[in-house]
Amino acid sequence: MNRSRFIQGLKSDIQLSEKERRRIIRNSIKKYPWKLKCTVAMEEFAELQGVRGKEQRR
């Protein structure tokens, strides 16, 4: 994943129609299995949780 591109997308004002969103999701699922995506998401959440816990201990 290109993190800088992802962050730029979050900060932008891009407006997608419901049809465009569904097409993007459908293509994403075709390209990578959903179980792989879930595994990656769980790893990212665990990393965020670790950083959050570290910040709270300060």
N, C-alpha and C. Protein backbone atom coordinates (compact mmCIF):
# COMPACT_ATOMS: atom_id res chain seq x y z
N MET A 1 0.84 -1.18 0.00
CA MET A 1 0.00 0.00 0.00
C MET A 1 0.88 1.24 0.00
N ASN A 2 0.54 2.18 -0.83
CA ASN A 2 1.26 3.44 -0.89
C ASN A 2 0.63 4.39 0.14
N ARG A 3 1.28 4.52 1.29
CA ARG A 3 0.70 5.29 2.40
C ARG A 3 0.50 6.76 2.06
N SER A 4 1.46 7.36 1.37
CA SER A 4 1.32 8.79 1.07
C SER A 4 0.13 9.02 0.13
N ARG A 5 -0.07 8.14 -0.82
CA ARG A 5 -1.22 8.27 -1.73
C ARG A 5 -2.53 8.08 -0.96
N PHE A 6 -2.53 7.13 -0.02
CA PHE A 6 -3.72 6.88 0.80
C PHE A 6 -4.07 8.12 1.63
N ILE A 7 -3.06 8.72 2.25
CA ILE A 7 -3.28 9.91 3.08
C ILE A 7 -3.77 11.07 2.23
N GLN A 8 -3.20 11.23 1.04
CA GLN A 8 -3.66 12.30 0.14
C GLN A 8 -5.14 12.10 -0.21
N GLY A 9 -5.53 10.84 -0.43
CA GLY A 9 -6.92 10.54 -0.73
C GLY A 9 -7.84 10.88 0.43
N LEU A 10 -7.39 10.62 1.65
CA LEU A 10 -8.20 10.94 2.82
C LEU A 10 -8.39 12.45 2.97
N LYS A 11 -7.39 13.21 2.61
CA LYS A 11 -7.44 14.66 2.78
C LYS A 11 -8.15 15.37 1.63
N SER A 12 -8.39 14.67 0.53
CA SER A 12 -8.97 15.32 -0.64
C SER A 12 -10.50 15.41 -0.52
N ASP A 13 -11.09 16.13 -1.44
CA ASP A 13 -12.54 16.32 -1.47
C ASP A 13 -13.21 15.45 -2.53
N ILE A 14 -12.68 14.27 -2.78
CA ILE A 14 -13.21 13.40 -3.81
C ILE A 14 -14.60 12.92 -3.40
N GLN A 15 -15.56 13.07 -4.29
CA GLN A 15 -16.92 12.61 -4.07
C GLN A 15 -17.22 11.51 -5.08
N LEU A 16 -17.54 10.32 -4.59
CA LEU A 16 -17.84 9.19 -5.46
C LEU A 16 -19.33 8.86 -5.36
N SER A 17 -19.90 8.49 -6.48
CA SER A 17 -21.30 8.06 -6.45
C SER A 17 -21.36 6.65 -5.86
N GLU A 18 -22.55 6.25 -5.47
CA GLU A 18 -22.73 4.90 -4.91
C GLU A 18 -22.32 3.84 -5.93
N LYS A 19 -22.62 4.07 -7.20
CA LYS A 19 -22.26 3.12 -8.26
C LYS A 19 -20.74 2.99 -8.38
N GLU A 20 -20.04 4.12 -8.31
CA GLU A 20 -18.58 4.09 -8.39
C GLU A 20 -17.97 3.38 -7.18
N ARG A 21 -18.51 3.60 -6.00
CA ARG A 21 -18.01 2.93 -4.80
C ARG A 21 -18.18 1.42 -4.91
N ARG A 22 -19.35 1.00 -5.35
CA ARG A 22 -19.62 -0.43 -5.50
C ARG A 22 -18.68 -1.07 -6.52
N ARG A 23 -18.42 -0.35 -7.61
CA ARG A 23 -17.51 -0.87 -8.64
C ARG A 23 -16.10 -1.02 -8.08
N ILE A 24 -15.65 -0.05 -7.32
CA ILE A 24 -14.31 -0.11 -6.72
C ILE A 24 -14.21 -1.28 -5.75
N ILE A 25 -15.22 -1.44 -4.92
CA ILE A 25 -15.21 -2.55 -3.95
C ILE A 25 -15.25 -3.88 -4.67
N ARG A 26 -16.09 -4.00 -5.68
CA ARG A 26 -16.20 -5.25 -6.44
C ARG A 26 -14.86 -5.61 -7.10
N ASN A 27 -14.21 -4.63 -7.71
CA ASN A 27 -12.90 -4.88 -8.34
C ASN A 27 -11.85 -5.25 -7.31
N SER A 28 -11.91 -4.62 -6.16
CA SER A 28 -10.95 -4.92 -5.10
C SER A 28 -11.11 -6.36 -4.60
N ILE A 29 -12.35 -6.78 -4.43
CA ILE A 29 -12.61 -8.15 -3.96
C ILE A 29 -12.17 -9.17 -5.01
N LYS A 30 -12.36 -8.86 -6.29
CA LYS A 30 -11.92 -9.77 -7.35
C LYS A 30 -10.41 -9.91 -7.35
N LYS A 31 -9.72 -8.81 -7.07
CA LYS A 31 -8.26 -8.81 -7.14
C LYS A 31 -7.62 -9.52 -5.95
N TYR A 32 -8.15 -9.29 -4.74
CA TYR A 32 -7.60 -9.90 -3.53
C TYR A 32 -8.73 -10.56 -2.75
N PRO A 33 -8.53 -11.79 -2.29
CA PRO A 33 -9.57 -12.47 -1.52
C PRO A 33 -9.92 -11.70 -0.23
N TRP A 34 -11.17 -11.80 0.19
CA TRP A 34 -11.62 -11.06 1.38
C TRP A 34 -10.91 -11.51 2.64
N LYS A 35 -10.53 -12.79 2.73
CA LYS A 35 -9.84 -13.26 3.93
C LYS A 35 -8.48 -12.59 4.07
N LEU A 36 -7.80 -12.37 2.95
CA LEU A 36 -6.51 -11.68 2.97
C LEU A 36 -6.70 -10.24 3.44
N LYS A 37 -7.74 -9.59 2.94
CA LYS A 37 -8.01 -8.21 3.35
C LYS A 37 -8.32 -8.13 4.85
N CYS A 38 -9.07 -9.10 5.38
CA CYS A 38 -9.37 -9.12 6.80
C CYS A 38 -8.11 -9.30 7.64
N THR A 39 -7.22 -10.16 7.17
CA THR A 39 -5.97 -10.39 7.89
C THR A 39 -5.13 -9.12 7.94
N VAL A 40 -5.03 -8.44 6.82
CA VAL A 40 -4.27 -7.19 6.76
C VAL A 40 -4.91 -6.14 7.67
N ALA A 41 -6.23 -6.06 7.65
CA ALA A 41 -6.93 -5.08 8.50
C ALA A 41 -6.68 -5.38 9.97
N MET A 42 -6.72 -6.65 10.36
CA MET A 42 -6.47 -7.00 11.76
C MET A 42 -5.06 -6.63 12.18
N GLU A 43 -4.10 -6.85 11.29
CA GLU A 43 -2.71 -6.47 11.59
C GLU A 43 -2.58 -4.97 11.76
N GLU A 44 -3.23 -4.22 10.91
CA GLU A 44 -3.17 -2.75 11.01
C GLU A 44 -3.83 -2.27 12.30
N PHE A 45 -4.97 -2.85 12.66
CA PHE A 45 -5.63 -2.48 13.91
C PHE A 45 -4.77 -2.80 15.12
N ALA A 46 -4.09 -3.94 15.08
CA ALA A 46 -3.21 -4.30 16.20
C ALA A 46 -2.07 -3.30 16.33
N GLU A 47 -1.54 -2.87 15.20
CA GLU A 47 -0.46 -1.87 15.21
C GLU A 47 -0.97 -0.54 15.77
N LEU A 48 -2.15 -0.12 15.34
CA LEU A 48 -2.73 1.12 15.86
C LEU A 48 -3.00 1.03 17.35
N GLN A 49 -3.49 -0.13 17.79
CA GLN A 49 -3.76 -0.32 19.21
C GLN A 49 -2.48 -0.21 20.03
N GLY A 50 -1.38 -0.76 19.50
CA GLY A 50 -0.10 -0.67 20.19
C GLY A 50 0.38 0.76 20.31
N VAL A 51 0.25 1.53 19.24
CA VAL A 51 0.65 2.93 19.25
C VAL A 51 -0.23 3.72 20.21
N ARG A 52 -1.52 3.44 20.19
CA ARG A 52 -2.45 4.15 21.09
C ARG A 52 -2.11 3.86 22.55
N GLY A 53 -1.83 2.60 22.86
CA GLY A 53 -1.46 2.23 24.22
C GLY A 53 -0.18 2.91 24.67
N LYS A 54 0.78 3.02 23.75
CA LYS A 54 2.03 3.68 24.05
C LYS A 54 1.81 5.15 24.35
N GLU A 55 0.93 5.80 23.57
CA GLU A 55 0.62 7.21 23.78
C GLU A 55 -0.08 7.42 25.12
N GLN A 56 -0.95 6.51 25.50
CA GLN A 56 -1.67 6.65 26.77
C GLN A 56 -0.73 6.52 27.97
N ARG A 57 0.32 5.74 27.85
CA ARG A 57 1.25 5.55 28.97
C ARG A 57 2.17 6.75 29.18
N ARG A 58 2.19 7.66 28.27
CA ARG A 58 3.06 8.84 28.40
C ARG A 58 2.61 9.76 29.47
